[in-house]
């Protein structure tokens, strides 16, 4: 039963994971891929450029999660953002194919309230809060 539930999380998040798969070729060009706790982590120079220049995050993003794929600037960025990005993996598992639209709506809602589309996005607020929690395994306070 546990295996079936685990498979269900992957299937439910699959549409968002497929978006991450679109970035995989860019990560494999002079990059690296590694599976950590059932999540594919990918980094490379082209992905680093995209994360630096094509995001809404001030100064660029260190990493981004798309389903069960985490794309990072480099190995160090993936390691340092792992707790935060795993919150997004769990969010993708919960929201399934609705994750991307819900995330975008949360950003729009923040903008309509005069707030930052990334820093005040509900999904990001939860990820930052959870990743900073002293009870989060593997995270130094």
Protein backbone atom coordinates (compact mmCIF):
# COMPACT_ATOMS: atom_id res chain seq x y z
CA UNK A 1 0.00 0.00 0.00
CA UNK A 2 2.82 2.41 0.92
CA UNK A 3 4.47 1.81 -2.47
CA UNK A 4 1.18 2.54 -4.24
CA UNK A 5 0.77 5.83 -2.34
CA UNK A 6 4.34 6.80 -3.21
CA UNK A 7 3.70 6.05 -6.88
CA UNK A 8 0.50 8.11 -6.71
CA UNK A 9 2.45 11.19 -5.57
CA UNK A 10 4.73 10.85 -8.59
CA UNK A 11 1.82 10.39 -10.98
CA UNK A 12 -0.16 13.32 -9.52
CA UNK A 13 2.90 15.62 -9.81
CA UNK A 14 3.85 14.26 -13.27
CA UNK A 15 2.52 17.20 -15.32
CA UNK A 16 4.77 19.60 -13.41
CA UNK A 17 7.67 17.13 -13.53
CA UNK A 18 7.28 17.04 -17.33
CA UNK A 19 7.96 20.78 -17.38
CA UNK A 20 11.19 20.06 -15.53
CA UNK A 21 12.07 17.39 -18.07
CA UNK A 22 12.03 20.09 -20.75
CA UNK A 23 15.02 21.69 -19.00
CA UNK A 24 16.91 18.41 -18.66
CA UNK A 25 18.81 18.67 -21.99
CA UNK A 26 20.14 22.09 -20.94
CA UNK A 27 21.35 20.56 -17.68
CA UNK A 28 23.08 17.67 -19.36
CA UNK A 29 25.22 19.98 -21.52
CA UNK A 30 28.39 20.14 -19.41
CA UNK A 31 26.23 19.61 -16.34
CA UNK A 32 25.39 16.89 -13.88
CA UNK A 33 22.31 15.04 -12.70
CA UNK A 34 21.88 13.14 -9.46
CA UNK A 35 18.90 11.55 -7.73
CA UNK A 36 18.59 12.53 -4.07
CA UNK A 37 15.70 11.11 -2.02
CA UNK A 38 13.63 10.37 -5.12
CA UNK A 39 14.15 13.83 -6.63
CA UNK A 40 16.30 14.44 -9.72
CA UNK A 41 18.70 17.32 -9.10
CA UNK A 42 20.29 18.86 -12.21
CA UNK A 43 22.83 21.65 -12.65
CA UNK A 44 25.01 23.03 -15.40
CA UNK A 45 26.30 26.27 -16.93
CA UNK A 46 23.29 26.84 -19.20
CA UNK A 47 20.89 26.24 -16.31
CA UNK A 48 22.94 28.60 -14.14
CA UNK A 49 22.58 31.31 -16.79
CA UNK A 50 18.81 30.75 -17.03
CA UNK A 51 18.37 30.84 -13.25
CA UNK A 52 20.42 34.02 -13.03
CA UNK A 53 18.72 35.91 -15.87
CA UNK A 54 15.23 34.47 -16.44
CA UNK A 55 13.47 34.52 -13.05
CA UNK A 56 11.43 36.93 -10.93
CA UNK A 57 13.80 36.47 -8.01
CA UNK A 58 15.94 39.50 -7.13
CA UNK A 59 19.49 38.56 -8.19
CA UNK A 60 18.29 35.36 -9.81
CA UNK A 61 17.33 32.01 -8.33
CA UNK A 62 19.77 29.52 -6.86
CA UNK A 63 17.38 26.67 -7.71
CA UNK A 64 13.87 25.99 -8.94
CA UNK A 65 11.59 22.99 -8.45
CA UNK A 66 9.37 21.52 -11.13
CA UNK A 67 7.65 18.44 -9.74
CA UNK A 68 10.31 15.91 -8.84
CA UNK A 69 13.06 17.78 -10.66
CA UNK A 70 15.15 20.48 -9.00
CA UNK A 71 17.26 22.63 -11.30
CA UNK A 72 20.13 24.49 -9.67
CA UNK A 73 22.99 26.79 -10.60
CA UNK A 74 25.56 24.32 -9.31
CA UNK A 75 26.05 21.52 -6.77
CA UNK A 76 26.54 23.97 -3.90
CA UNK A 77 23.27 25.80 -4.71
CA UNK A 78 21.39 22.50 -4.81
CA UNK A 79 22.79 21.45 -1.44
CA UNK A 80 22.12 24.79 0.26
CA UNK A 81 18.54 25.07 -1.03
CA UNK A 82 17.60 21.40 -0.60
CA UNK A 83 15.30 21.90 2.42
CA UNK A 84 13.51 24.81 0.72
CA UNK A 85 13.14 23.01 -2.59
CA UNK A 86 11.84 19.85 -0.90
CA UNK A 87 8.95 21.92 0.45
CA UNK A 88 8.13 22.77 -3.18
CA UNK A 89 8.34 19.07 -4.11
CA UNK A 90 5.77 18.34 -1.39
CA UNK A 91 3.63 21.24 -2.66
CA UNK A 92 3.77 19.76 -6.17
CA UNK A 93 2.76 16.38 -4.79
CA UNK A 94 -0.20 17.98 -3.04
CA UNK A 95 -1.37 20.31 -5.82
CA UNK A 96 -0.50 18.04 -8.75
CA UNK A 97 -1.32 19.56 -12.14
CA UNK A 98 -2.75 22.61 -10.39
CA UNK A 99 0.61 23.59 -8.87
CA UNK A 100 1.90 25.85 -11.65
CA UNK A 101 -1.41 27.70 -12.13
CA UNK A 102 -1.82 28.05 -8.35
CA UNK A 103 1.76 29.31 -7.99
CA UNK A 104 1.21 31.89 -10.75
CA UNK A 105 -2.09 32.98 -9.19
CA UNK A 106 -0.36 33.36 -5.82
CA UNK A 107 2.20 35.64 -7.49
CA UNK A 108 -0.57 37.63 -9.19
CA UNK A 109 -2.42 37.93 -5.88
CA UNK A 110 0.74 39.29 -4.25
CA UNK A 111 1.18 41.87 -7.04
CA UNK A 112 -2.47 42.95 -6.82
CA UNK A 113 -1.91 43.57 -3.10
CA UNK A 114 1.17 45.67 -3.85
CA UNK A 115 3.62 42.99 -2.78
CA UNK A 116 6.51 41.17 -4.41
CA UNK A 117 5.44 38.31 -6.73
CA UNK A 118 8.15 35.98 -5.41
CA UNK A 119 8.94 37.01 -1.86
CA UNK A 120 5.27 37.31 -0.85
CA UNK A 121 4.02 34.35 -2.88
CA UNK A 122 2.26 31.99 -0.44
CA UNK A 123 4.17 28.96 -1.75
CA UNK A 124 7.51 30.71 -1.19
CA UNK A 125 6.53 32.01 2.23
CA UNK A 126 5.69 28.45 3.29
CA UNK A 127 8.94 27.06 1.82
CA UNK A 128 11.10 29.67 3.54
CA UNK A 129 9.27 29.24 6.85
CA UNK A 130 9.44 25.43 6.76
CA UNK A 131 13.07 25.30 5.60
CA UNK A 132 14.12 27.62 8.44
CA UNK A 133 12.32 25.57 11.05
CA UNK A 134 14.76 23.96 13.52
CA UNK A 135 12.77 20.71 13.18
CA UNK A 136 13.59 20.47 9.47
CA UNK A 137 15.97 17.49 9.08
CA UNK A 138 19.37 18.29 7.65
CA UNK A 139 19.04 22.06 8.05
CA UNK A 140 21.38 24.10 10.18
CA UNK A 141 19.66 26.98 12.04
